C-alpha atoms as a PDB file:
ATOM      1  CA  MET A   1      -0.159  -0.338   0.476  1.00  0.00           C
ATOM      2  CA  LEU A   2       2.324   2.061   0.302  1.00  0.00           C
ATOM      3  CA  THR A   3       4.177   1.739  -2.363  1.00  0.00           C
ATOM      4  CA  PHE A   4       1.648   2.438  -4.242  1.00  0.00           C
ATOM      5  CA  VAL A   5       0.751   5.447  -2.495  1.00  0.00           C
ATOM      6  CA  ILE A   6       4.080   7.234  -3.328  1.00  0.00           C
ATOM      7  CA  ALA A   7       4.006   5.637  -7.066  1.00  0.00           C
ATOM      8  CA  LEU A   8       0.859   7.450  -7.329  1.00  0.00           C
ATOM      9  CA  ALA A   9       2.604  10.301  -5.400  1.00  0.00           C
ATOM     10  CA  LEU A  10       5.090  10.858  -8.175  1.00  0.00           C
ATOM     11  CA  LEU A  11       2.746   9.751 -10.271  1.00  0.00           C
ATOM     12  CA  LEU A  12       1.411  12.861  -9.766  1.00  0.00           C
ATOM     13  CA  ILE A  13       4.501  14.938  -9.080  1.00  0.00           C
ATOM     14  CA  ALA A  14       5.502  13.746 -12.914  1.00  0.00           C
ATOM     15  CA  GLY A  15       2.701  14.899 -14.358  1.00  0.00           C
ATOM     16  CA  ALA A  16       2.305  18.491 -12.998  1.00  0.00           C
ATOM     17  CA  GLY A  17       6.502  18.327 -14.326  1.00  0.00           C
ATOM     18  CA  LEU A  18       5.714  18.234 -17.228  1.00  0.00           C
ATOM     19  CA  ASN A  19       3.030  19.788 -17.873  1.00  0.00           C
ATOM     20  CA  PHE A  20       4.365  23.058 -16.326  1.00  0.00           C
ATOM     21  CA  TYR A  21       7.368  21.799 -18.991  1.00  0.00           C
ATOM     22  CA  ILE A  22       4.835  21.645 -21.802  1.00  0.00           C
ATOM     23  CA  LYS A  23       3.254  25.295 -21.114  1.00  0.00           C
ATOM     24  CA  TYR A  24       6.490  26.682 -20.171  1.00  0.00           C
ATOM     25  CA  ALA A  25       7.871  24.995 -23.974  1.00  0.00           C
ATOM     26  CA  ARG A  26       5.184  26.783 -25.251  1.00  0.00           C
ATOM     27  CA  GLU A  27       4.736  29.718 -24.529  1.00  0.00           C
ATOM     28  CA  LYS A  28       8.945  30.493 -24.598  1.00  0.00           C
ATOM     29  CA  GLN A  29       7.713  29.283 -28.071  1.00  0.00           C
ATOM     30  CA  LYS A  30       5.434  32.998 -27.953  1.00  0.00           C
ATOM     31  CA  GLN A  31       7.818  34.965 -26.837  1.00  0.00           C
ATOM     32  CA  LEU A  32      10.211  33.769 -29.829  1.00  0.00           C
ATOM     33  CA  ALA A  33       7.876  34.528 -32.004  1.00  0.00           C
ATOM     34  CA  LEU A  34       6.867  38.083 -30.434  1.00  0.00           C
ATOM     35  CA  GLU A  35      10.331  38.625 -30.769  1.00  0.00           C
ATOM     36  CA  GLU A  36      10.686  37.064 -34.624  1.00  0.00           C
ATOM     37  CA  GLN A  37       7.377  39.065 -35.478  1.00  0.00           C
ATOM     38  CA  ARG A  38       9.088  42.756 -33.921  1.00  0.00           C
ATOM     39  CA  ARG A  39      12.691  42.553 -35.807  1.00  0.00           C
ATOM     40  CA  ARG A  40      11.228  41.419 -38.662  1.00  0.00           C
ATOM     41  CA  GLU A  41       9.303  44.088 -38.901  1.00  0.00           C
ATOM     42  CA  GLN A  42      11.707  46.697 -36.654  1.00  0.00           C
ATOM     43  CA  GLU A  43      13.832  45.271 -39.926  1.00  0.00           C
ATOM     44  CA  GLU A  44      10.689  46.179 -41.968  1.00  0.00           C
ATOM     45  CA  LYS A  45      10.922  50.048 -40.249  1.00  0.00           C
ATOM     46  CA  GLU A  46      14.118  49.954 -41.117  1.00  0.00           C
ATOM     47  CA  ARG A  47      14.346  49.318 -44.594  1.00  0.00           C
ATOM     48  CA  GLN A  48      11.277  52.097 -45.301  1.00  0.00           C
ATOM     49  CA  ARG A  49      12.940  54.509 -43.425  1.00  0.00           C
ATOM     50  CA  ARG A  50      16.169  53.992 -45.483  1.00  0.00           C
ATOM     51  CA  LEU A  51      13.982  53.628 -48.943  1.00  0.00           C
ATOM     52  CA  LEU A  52      12.225  56.473 -47.327  1.00  0.00           C
ATOM     53  CA  GLU A  53      15.626  58.444 -46.842  1.00  0.00           C
ATOM     54  CA  GLU A  54      17.016  57.523 -50.704  1.00  0.00           C
ATOM     55  CA  LYS A  55      13.788  59.158 -52.176  1.00  0.00           C
ATOM     56  CA  ARG A  56      13.703  61.934 -49.566  1.00  0.00           C
ATOM     57  CA  GLN A  57      17.711  62.598 -51.203  1.00  0.00           C
ATOM     58  CA  GLU A  58      16.537  62.133 -54.827  1.00  0.00           C
ATOM     59  CA  PHE A  59      13.744  64.529 -54.657  1.00  0.00           C
ATOM     60  CA  LEU A  60      16.198  67.355 -52.884  1.00  0.00           C
ATOM     61  CA  ALA A  61      18.199  66.021 -55.960  1.00  0.00           C
ATOM     62  CA  LEU A  62      15.873  66.892 -58.919  1.00  0.00           C
ATOM     63  CA  ILE A  63      14.595  69.753 -56.333  1.00  0.00           C
ATOM     64  CA  GLU A  64      18.795  71.873 -56.846  1.00  0.00           C
ATOM     65  CA  MET A  65      19.112  70.565 -60.653  1.00  0.00           C
ATOM     66  CA  MET A  66      15.327  72.267 -60.610  1.00  0.00           C
ATOM     67  CA  LYS A  67      17.015  75.437 -59.617  1.00  0.00           C
ATOM     68  CA  LYS A  68      20.647  74.705 -61.564  1.00  0.00           C
ATOM     69  CA  TYR A  69      18.309  75.246 -65.130  1.00  0.00           C
ATOM     70  CA  PHE A  70      16.173  77.904 -64.054  1.00  0.00           C
ATOM     71  CA  ARG A  71      19.282  80.019 -63.145  1.00  0.00           C
ATOM     72  CA  GLN A  72      20.160  78.647 -66.923  1.00  0.00           C
ATOM     73  CA  GLY A  73      16.709  80.138 -68.356  1.00  0.00           C
ATOM     74  CA  ASN A  74      16.264  75.872 -69.331  1.00  0.00           C
ATOM     75  CA  PHE A  75      12.593  76.074 -68.085  1.00  0.00           C
ATOM     76  CA  ALA A  76      11.821  73.054 -70.516  1.00  0.00           C
ATOM     77  CA  LYS A  77      14.286  71.236 -68.351  1.00  0.00           C
ATOM     78  CA  VAL A  78      12.501  72.723 -65.213  1.00  0.00           C
ATOM     79  CA  ARG A  79       9.275  71.064 -65.921  1.00  0.00           C
ATOM     80  CA  GLU A  80      10.644  68.725 -66.615  1.00  0.00           C
ATOM     81  CA  LEU A  81      11.744  67.823 -63.434  1.00  0.00           C
ATOM     82  CA  SER A  82       9.036  68.703 -61.546  1.00  0.00           C
ATOM     83  CA  LYS A  83       7.070  65.908 -62.946  1.00  0.00           C
ATOM     84  CA  LYS A  84       9.514  63.467 -61.713  1.00  0.00           C
ATOM     85  CA  ALA A  85       9.865  66.019 -58.648  1.00  0.00           C
ATOM     86  CA  LEU A  86       6.139  66.348 -58.305  1.00  0.00           C
ATOM     87  CA  LEU A  87       5.464  62.864 -58.747  1.00  0.00           C
ATOM     88  CA  LEU A  88       7.929  61.907 -55.398  1.00  0.00           C
ATOM     89  CA  ALA A  89       5.927  64.272 -52.952  1.00  0.00           C
ATOM     90  CA  ASP A  90       2.815  62.633 -54.132  1.00  0.00           C
ATOM     91  CA  GLU A  91       4.276  58.850 -52.926  1.00  0.00           C
ATOM     92  CA  HIS A  92       6.008  60.140 -49.896  1.00  0.00           C
ATOM     93  CA  GLY A  93       4.478  63.468 -49.072  1.00  0.00           C
ATOM     94  CA  PHE A  94       7.984  65.298 -49.198  1.00  0.00           C
ATOM     95  CA  PRO A  95       6.411  69.432 -49.686  1.00  0.00           C
ATOM     96  CA  LYS A  96       5.280  71.007 -52.532  1.00  0.00           C
ATOM     97  CA  ASP A  97       5.929  73.593 -51.797  1.00  0.00           C
ATOM     98  CA  GLU A  98       9.575  74.352 -53.670  1.00  0.00           C
ATOM     99  CA  ILE A  99       8.769  73.384 -56.625  1.00  0.00           C
ATOM    100  CA  THR A 100       5.825  75.564 -56.239  1.00  0.00           C
ATOM    101  CA  LYS A 101       7.891  79.049 -56.007  1.00  0.00           C
ATOM    102  CA  ILE A 102       9.914  77.735 -59.146  1.00  0.00           C
ATOM    103  CA  LEU A 103       7.420  76.947 -61.809  1.00  0.00           C
ATOM    104  CA  HIS A 104       5.580  80.142 -60.520  1.00  0.00           C
ATOM    105  CA  GLY A 105       8.799  82.228 -61.335  1.00  0.00           C
ATOM    106  CA  ILE A 106       9.205  80.286 -64.112  1.00  0.00           C
ATOM    107  CA  ASP A 107       5.408  81.989 -64.953  1.00  0.00           C
ATOM    108  CA  VAL A 108       6.380  85.387 -63.789  1.00  0.00           C
ATOM    109  CA  HIS A 109       9.573  85.246 -66.491  1.00  0.00           C
ATOM    110  CA  ASN A 110       7.739  84.319 -68.972  1.00  0.00           C
ATOM    111  CA  TYR A 111       4.875  87.312 -68.329  1.00  0.00           C
ATOM    112  CA  ARG A 112       7.011  89.963 -68.494  1.00  0.00           C
ATOM    113  CA  ALA A 113       8.781  89.040 -71.373  1.00  0.00           C
ATOM    114  CA  LYS A 114       5.257  89.316 -72.529  1.00  0.00           C
ATOM    115  CA  LEU A 115       4.471  92.042 -70.149  1.00  0.00           C
ATOM    116  CA  SER A 116       7.344  93.755 -71.632  1.00  0.00           C
ATOM    117  CA  GLN A 117       6.717  93.112 -75.086  1.00  0.00           C
ATOM    118  CA  LEU A 118       3.529  94.750 -75.231  1.00  0.00           C
ATOM    119  CA  GLU A 119       4.771  97.569 -73.145  1.00  0.00           C
ATOM    120  CA  SER A 120       6.318  98.403 -76.554  1.00  0.00           C
ATOM    121  CA  MET A 121       3.415  97.959 -78.384  1.00  0.00           C
ATOM    122  CA  SER A 122       1.456 100.454 -76.171  1.00  0.00           C
ATOM    123  CA  ASP A 123       3.437 102.987 -78.475  1.00  0.00           C
ATOM    124  CA  ASP A 124       1.625 103.286 -80.637  1.00  0.00           C
ATOM    125  CA  ILE A 125      -1.523 104.374 -79.415  1.00  0.00           C
ATOM    126  CA  PHE A 126      -3.455 103.517 -81.782  1.00  0.00           C
ATOM    127  CA  GLN A 127      -3.069  99.175 -80.733  1.00  0.00           C
ATOM    128  CA  TYR A 128      -4.523 100.257 -77.176  1.00  0.00           C
ATOM    129  CA  LEU A 129      -7.308  97.544 -77.692  1.00  0.00           C
ATOM    130  CA  TYR A 130      -5.340  94.915 -78.443  1.00  0.00           C
ATOM    131  CA  VAL A 131      -2.639  95.682 -75.654  1.00  0.00           C
ATOM    132  CA  ARG A 132      -4.422  96.273 -73.046  1.00  0.00           C
ATOM    133  CA  ALA A 133      -7.074  92.966 -74.355  1.00  0.00           C
ATOM    134  CA  GLU A 134      -4.352  91.095 -74.241  1.00  0.00           C
ATOM    135  CA  THR A 135      -2.603  92.442 -71.147  1.00  0.00           C
ATOM    136  CA  LEU A 136      -5.932  91.428 -69.556  1.00  0.00           C
ATOM    137  CA  LYS A 137      -4.926  87.375 -69.959  1.00  0.00           C
ATOM    138  CA  ILE A 138      -2.055  88.172 -68.121  1.00  0.00           C
ATOM    139  CA  PRO A 139      -2.632  87.171 -63.552  1.00  0.00           C
ATOM    140  CA  ASP A 140      -2.318  89.930 -61.357  1.00  0.00           C
ATOM    141  CA  PHE A 141       0.936  88.379 -60.057  1.00  0.00           C
ATOM    142  CA  PRO A 142       2.215  91.012 -56.977  1.00  0.00           C
ATOM    143  CA  GLU A 143       5.957  90.619 -58.845  1.00  0.00           C
ATOM    144  CA  LEU A 144       4.032  91.826 -62.227  1.00  0.00           C
ATOM    145  CA  ARG A 145       1.289  93.798 -60.938  1.00  0.00           C
ATOM    146  CA  ASP A 146       2.367  97.958 -61.367  1.00  0.00           C
ATOM    147  CA  LEU A 147       3.726  96.733 -65.219  1.00  0.00           C
ATOM    148  CA  ARG A 148       0.723  95.343 -65.027  1.00  0.00           C
ATOM    149  CA  ASN A 149      -1.159  98.205 -64.243  1.00  0.00           C
ATOM    150  CA  SER A 150       0.595 100.690 -65.842  1.00  0.00           C
ATOM    151  CA  ILE A 151       0.063  99.632 -69.069  1.00  0.00           C
ATOM    152  CA  ILE A 152      -3.141  99.390 -68.766  1.00  0.00           C
ATOM    153  CA  ARG A 153      -3.669 102.783 -67.627  1.00  0.00           C
ATOM    154  CA  LYS A 154      -1.285 104.032 -70.936  1.00  0.00           C
ATOM    155  CA  THR A 155      -4.196 102.262 -72.923  1.00  0.00           C
ATOM    156  CA  ARG A 156      -6.685 104.013 -71.017  1.00  0.00           C
ATOM    157  CA  ASP A 157      -4.332 107.256 -71.973  1.00  0.00           C
ATOM    158  CA  ASN A 158      -4.592 105.717 -75.794  1.00  0.00           C
ATOM    159  CA  GLU A 159      -8.303 104.842 -76.132  1.00  0.00           C
ATOM    160  CA  TYR A 160      -8.401 108.705 -75.206  1.00  0.00           C
ATOM    161  CA  LEU A 161      -6.032 110.199 -78.135  1.00  0.00           C
ATOM    162  CA  VAL A 162      -7.145 107.641 -79.672  1.00  0.00           C
ATOM    163  CA  SER A 163     -10.782 109.120 -79.949  1.00  0.00           C
ATOM    164  CA  LEU A 164      -9.467 112.936 -80.278  1.00  0.00           C
ATOM    165  CA  ALA A 165      -7.302 111.965 -83.275  1.00  0.00           C
ATOM    166  CA  ILE A 166     -10.313 110.452 -85.190  1.00  0.00           C
ATOM    167  CA  ALA A 167     -12.244 113.702 -83.620  1.00  0.00           C
ATOM    168  CA  ARG A 168     -10.044 115.705 -85.013  1.00  0.00           C
ATOM    169  CA  LYS A 169      -8.991 114.195 -88.976  1.00  0.00           C
ATOM    170  CA  GLN A 170     -13.910 113.429 -89.124  1.00  0.00           C
ATOM    171  CA  ALA A 171     -14.012 117.373 -88.437  1.00  0.00           C
ATOM    172  CA  ASP A 172     -11.864 118.401 -91.108  1.00  0.00           C
ATOM    173  CA  ASP A 173     -12.740 115.835 -93.517  1.00  0.00           C
ATOM    174  CA  SER A 174     -16.336 117.701 -93.114  1.00  0.00           C
ATOM    175  CA  LYS A 175     -14.634 121.766 -92.784  1.00  0.00           C
ATOM    176  CA  LYS A 176     -13.406 119.804 -96.807  1.00  0.00           C
ATOM    177  CA  GLY A 177     -16.933 119.419 -97.348  1.00  0.00           C
ATOM    178  CA  VAL A 178     -16.358 115.370 -97.055  1.00  0.00           C
ATOM    179  CA  MET A 179     -19.739 114.162 -95.464  1.00  0.00           C
ATOM    180  CA  PRO A 180     -20.103 117.047 -93.969  1.00  0.00           C
ATOM    181  CA  ARG A 181     -23.037 115.463 -91.859  1.00  0.00           C
ATOM    182  CA  TYR A 182     -21.667 112.183 -91.343  1.00  0.00           C
ATOM    183  CA  ASN A 183     -18.128 113.982 -89.796  1.00  0.00           C
ATOM    184  CA  TYR A 184     -19.097 116.530 -87.929  1.00  0.00           C
ATOM    185  CA  MET A 185     -22.253 114.366 -86.192  1.00  0.00           C
ATOM    186  CA  SER A 186     -19.363 111.265 -85.687  1.00  0.00           C
ATOM    187  CA  SER A 187     -16.618 113.356 -84.793  1.00  0.00           C
ATOM    188  CA  LYS A 188     -18.677 114.765 -81.901  1.00  0.00           C
ATOM    189  CA  ALA A 189     -19.932 111.025 -81.395  1.00  0.00           C
ATOM    190  CA  PHE A 190     -15.487 110.807 -81.066  1.00  0.00           C
ATOM    191  CA  LEU A 191     -15.025 113.809 -78.676  1.00  0.00           C
ATOM    192  CA  GLU A 192     -17.848 112.847 -76.632  1.00  0.00           C
ATOM    193  CA  LYS A 193     -16.070 109.820 -75.952  1.00  0.00           C
ATOM    194  CA  GLY A 194     -13.138 110.288 -75.229  1.00  0.00           C
ATOM    195  CA  ILE A 195     -14.110 112.698 -72.734  1.00  0.00           C
ATOM    196  CA  SER A 196     -16.373 110.146 -71.400  1.00  0.00           C
ATOM    197  CA  ILE A 197     -13.123 108.134 -69.991  1.00  0.00           C
ATOM    198  CA  ARG A 198     -11.021 111.027 -69.533  1.00  0.00           C
ATOM    199  CA  LYS A 199     -12.655 112.509 -66.642  1.00  0.00           C
ATOM    200  CA  LYS A 200     -13.385 108.244 -65.621  1.00  0.00           C
ATOM    201  CA  TYR A 201      -9.816 107.269 -65.226  1.00  0.00           C
ATOM    202  CA  SER A 202      -9.390 110.138 -64.276  1.00  0.00           C
ATOM    203  CA  LEU A 203      -6.599 111.334 -67.366  1.00  0.00           C
ATOM    204  CA  GLU A 204      -4.250 114.454 -67.708  1.00  0.00           C
ATOM    205  CA  ALA A 205      -6.598 116.768 -70.415  1.00  0.00           C
ATOM    206  CA  SER A 206      -5.060 117.455 -73.716  1.00  0.00           C
ATOM    207  CA  HIS A 207      -4.533 120.517 -76.056  1.00  0.00           C
ATOM    208  CA  GLU A 208      -6.525 119.011 -78.814  1.00  0.00           C
ATOM    209  CA  GLU A 209      -9.716 119.013 -76.705  1.00  0.00           C
ATOM    210  CA  PRO A 210     -10.507 122.598 -76.434  1.00  0.00           C
ATOM    211  CA  LEU A 211      -8.888 122.857 -80.234  1.00  0.00           C
ATOM    212  CA  ILE A 212     -11.377 120.401 -81.359  1.00  0.00           C
ATOM    213  CA  MET A 213     -14.648 122.016 -79.683  1.00  0.00           C
ATOM    214  CA  GLU A 214     -13.189 125.241 -80.578  1.00  0.00           C
ATOM    215  CA  LEU A 215     -13.773 123.495 -85.134  1.00  0.00           C
ATOM    216  CA  GLN A 216     -16.364 121.588 -84.980  1.00  0.00           C
ATOM    217  CA  ASN A 217     -18.810 125.084 -83.722  1.00  0.00           C
ATOM    218  CA  GLU A 218     -17.312 126.639 -86.461  1.00  0.00           C
ATOM    219  CA  LEU A 219     -18.460 123.748 -88.692  1.00  0.00           C
ATOM    220  CA  PHE A 220     -21.767 123.837 -86.466  1.00  0.00           C
ATOM    221  CA  PHE A 221     -22.531 127.899 -87.378  1.00  0.00           C
ATOM    222  CA  ALA A 222     -21.330 127.852 -90.585  1.00  0.00           C
ATOM    223  CA  SER A 223     -23.571 125.133 -91.763  1.00  0.00           C
ATOM    224  CA  LYS A 224     -27.027 126.173 -93.023  1.00  0.00           C
ATOM    225  CA  LYS A 225     -28.390 122.466 -91.885  1.00  0.00           C
ATOM    226  CA  LEU A 226     -26.544 121.768 -89.214  1.00  0.00           C
ATOM    227  CA  PRO A 227     -28.491 124.166 -86.527  1.00  0.00           C
ATOM    228  CA  ARG A 228     -31.657 123.264 -87.018  1.00  0.00           C
ATOM    229  CA  GLU A 229     -30.412 118.921 -87.153  1.00  0.00           C
ATOM    230  CA  THR A 230     -27.994 119.097 -83.679  1.00  0.00           C
ATOM    231  CA  ILE A 231     -26.788 121.809 -80.958  1.00  0.00           C
ATOM    232  CA  PRO A 232     -22.970 123.319 -80.391  1.00  0.00           C
ATOM    233  CA  LEU A 233     -20.747 121.744 -77.673  1.00  0.00           C
ATOM    234  CA  ASN A 234     -19.875 124.262 -74.945  1.00  0.00           C
ATOM    235  CA  ILE A 235     -16.459 124.447 -75.784  1.00  0.00           C
ATOM    236  CA  TYR A 236     -15.480 125.233 -71.704  1.00  0.00           C
ATOM    237  CA  ARG A 237     -17.112 122.454 -70.105  1.00  0.00           C
END
């Protein structure tokens, strides 16, 4: 009986030990698996970090190349590189501010060149309509605003001068007997238009204004028909 009890006790102790060992082995295996998973995750993070750093260096190199070609005036190459830089920025979340700034610089350069061309064209007062239309197509960038506004103001002044020039020409034609009534009425209309433009945009008055008014009034009083059909201009307006 004693032997049986001892054997049973030993068996129970052995079973408990075996059960403990199995649990320990399983826990150990679990810990090893977790450590292996963490190691792999850490390696993946490091791989991703290195890849991101490589892409960042590639991105920064593209930015520097864009700046170099911008200084050289090779804008086609700048735009070509910007596409690659923007693609990297979208894929990896890099800032696009520098790319946008460089591309904006190209636009400013090109628009300034166009404005300079339009400024030269505005020396011909009869080009005012085309010059104004083309100038208004150019964005109102802060870097271009002063030049852009200056050209637009000049087109207003040119429109005023053109109106006076046409008014003077038609008044002279009327005086010569060339379609006197039509040219007189048209001359009045262009003079009125010029005066309206001058007042609207606070332009400096031309010395031609009173001369044209005086000529129109001479035509009015020299004609037998005009006094019955219209009224003279007020040269003191």
